[in-house]
Amino acid sequence: MHAMTRTYTIILEPSDEGGFIVTVPALPEVGTQGDTRDEALANAREAIELVIEHRLARGEPIPADIAPEVERVTVAA
């Protein structure tokens, strides 16, 4: 049996301490980081794979990707 390919939207946010914090809207249990963009992406891939393996082992559904809408709002402050 060969693995199915899945694609997930991730959010990379700059960390105050440097590097990036990563979240995955479709898989809220994924939270990782990296000192560089490349490291954050690699860590995200690994974390997503682990969450999917865990869900499959428990018989839980694997959600489809969620593409969040991102907007900018200007306010007077």
C-alpha atoms as a PDB file:
ATOM      1  CA  MET A   1       0.000   0.000   0.000  1.00  0.00           C
ATOM      2  CA  HIS A   2       1.523   3.339  -0.928  1.00  0.00           C
ATOM      3  CA  ALA A   3       0.892   6.627   0.802  1.00  0.00           C
ATOM      4  CA  MET A   4      -1.551   9.205  -0.456  1.00  0.00           C
ATOM      5  CA  THR A   5      -0.167  12.665  -1.169  1.00  0.00           C
ATOM      6  CA  ARG A   6      -1.837  15.515   0.703  1.00  0.00           C
ATOM      7  CA  THR A   7      -1.238  19.255   0.647  1.00  0.00           C
ATOM      8  CA  TYR A   8      -1.922  21.537   3.595  1.00  0.00           C
ATOM      9  CA  THR A   9      -1.860  25.294   3.977  1.00  0.00           C
ATOM     10  CA  ILE A  10       0.508  26.391   6.720  1.00  0.00           C
ATOM     11  CA  ILE A  11       0.917  29.769   8.375  1.00  0.00           C
ATOM     12  CA  LEU A  12       4.440  31.043   9.034  1.00  0.00           C
ATOM     13  CA  GLU A  13       4.567  33.856  11.567  1.00  0.00           C
ATOM     14  CA  PRO A  14       7.796  35.634  12.489  1.00  0.00           C
ATOM     15  CA  SER A  15       8.729  35.011  16.117  1.00  0.00           C
ATOM     16  CA  ASP A  16       9.807  37.858  18.398  1.00  0.00           C
ATOM     17  CA  GLU A  17      12.882  35.788  19.285  1.00  0.00           C
ATOM     18  CA  GLY A  18      13.706  35.162  15.610  1.00  0.00           C
ATOM     19  CA  GLY A  19      12.701  32.374  13.292  1.00  0.00           C
ATOM     20  CA  PHE A  20       9.143  31.345  12.536  1.00  0.00           C
ATOM     21  CA  ILE A  21       6.178  29.810  14.341  1.00  0.00           C
ATOM     22  CA  VAL A  22       4.112  27.430  12.195  1.00  0.00           C
ATOM     23  CA  THR A  23       0.425  26.520  12.484  1.00  0.00           C
ATOM     24  CA  VAL A  24      -1.805  24.444  10.219  1.00  0.00           C
ATOM     25  CA  PRO A  25      -5.459  25.578  10.079  1.00  0.00           C
ATOM     26  CA  ALA A  26      -6.766  22.133   9.051  1.00  0.00           C
ATOM     27  CA  LEU A  27      -4.767  20.345  11.757  1.00  0.00           C
ATOM     28  CA  PRO A  28      -4.954  22.453  14.919  1.00  0.00           C
ATOM     29  CA  GLU A  29      -2.815  19.985  16.858  1.00  0.00           C
ATOM     30  CA  VAL A  30       0.187  20.889  14.679  1.00  0.00           C
ATOM     31  CA  GLY A  31       2.374  23.568  16.184  1.00  0.00           C
ATOM     32  CA  THR A  32       6.064  23.829  15.393  1.00  0.00           C
ATOM     33  CA  GLN A  33       8.781  26.336  14.678  1.00  0.00           C
ATOM     34  CA  GLY A  34      12.122  26.834  12.989  1.00  0.00           C
ATOM     35  CA  ASP A  35      15.064  29.196  13.177  1.00  0.00           C
ATOM     36  CA  THR A  36      14.879  29.698   9.390  1.00  0.00           C
ATOM     37  CA  ARG A  37      12.068  29.543   6.864  1.00  0.00           C
ATOM     38  CA  ASP A  38      13.468  26.275   5.443  1.00  0.00           C
ATOM     39  CA  GLU A  39      13.757  24.714   8.892  1.00  0.00           C
ATOM     40  CA  ALA A  40      10.199  25.797   9.754  1.00  0.00           C
ATOM     41  CA  LEU A  41       8.897  24.227   6.525  1.00  0.00           C
ATOM     42  CA  ALA A  42      10.773  20.974   7.161  1.00  0.00           C
ATOM     43  CA  ASN A  43       9.477  20.843  10.737  1.00  0.00           C
ATOM     44  CA  ALA A  44       5.943  21.513   9.492  1.00  0.00           C
ATOM     45  CA  ARG A  45       6.144  18.602   7.039  1.00  0.00           C
ATOM     46  CA  GLU A  46       7.362  16.278   9.770  1.00  0.00           C
ATOM     47  CA  ALA A  47       4.702  17.431  12.252  1.00  0.00           C
ATOM     48  CA  ILE A  48       1.909  17.039   9.679  1.00  0.00           C
ATOM     49  CA  GLU A  49       3.092  13.517   8.824  1.00  0.00           C
ATOM     50  CA  LEU A  50       3.164  12.558  12.509  1.00  0.00           C
ATOM     51  CA  VAL A  51      -0.332  13.934  13.135  1.00  0.00           C
ATOM     52  CA  ILE A  52      -1.719  12.077  10.108  1.00  0.00           C
ATOM     53  CA  GLU A  53      -0.063   8.813  11.248  1.00  0.00           C
ATOM     54  CA  HIS A  54      -1.513   9.297  14.728  1.00  0.00           C
ATOM     55  CA  ARG A  55      -4.996  10.012  13.379  1.00  0.00           C
ATOM     56  CA  LEU A  56      -4.880   6.970  11.081  1.00  0.00           C
ATOM     57  CA  ALA A  57      -3.722   4.712  13.927  1.00  0.00           C
ATOM     58  CA  ARG A  58      -6.682   5.874  16.023  1.00  0.00           C
ATOM     59  CA  GLY A  59      -9.172   5.541  13.152  1.00  0.00           C
ATOM     60  CA  GLU A  60      -9.795   9.285  13.110  1.00  0.00           C
ATOM     61  CA  PRO A  61     -10.614  11.167   9.903  1.00  0.00           C
ATOM     62  CA  ILE A  62      -7.929  13.076   8.041  1.00  0.00           C
ATOM     63  CA  PRO A  63      -9.337  16.538   7.298  1.00  0.00           C
ATOM     64  CA  ALA A  64      -9.022  18.245   3.963  1.00  0.00           C
ATOM     65  CA  ASP A  65      -6.985  21.407   3.667  1.00  0.00           C
ATOM     66  CA  ILE A  66      -8.438  24.704   4.822  1.00  0.00           C
ATOM     67  CA  ALA A  67      -7.362  27.813   2.960  1.00  0.00           C
ATOM     68  CA  PRO A  68      -7.835  30.669   5.417  1.00  0.00           C
ATOM     69  CA  GLU A  69      -8.713  34.117   4.144  1.00  0.00           C
ATOM     70  CA  VAL A  70      -6.199  36.747   5.101  1.00  0.00           C
ATOM     71  CA  GLU A  71      -7.215  40.390   5.110  1.00  0.00           C
ATOM     72  CA  ARG A  72      -5.602  43.592   6.317  1.00  0.00           C
ATOM     73  CA  VAL A  73      -7.578  46.163   8.289  1.00  0.00           C
ATOM     74  CA  THR A  74      -6.450  49.724   8.918  1.00  0.00           C
ATOM     75  CA  VAL A  75      -7.437  51.370  12.190  1.00  0.00           C
ATOM     76  CA  ALA A  76      -6.691  54.698  13.844  1.00  0.00           C
ATOM     77  CA  ALA A  77      -4.658  54.177  16.974  1.00  0.00           C
END
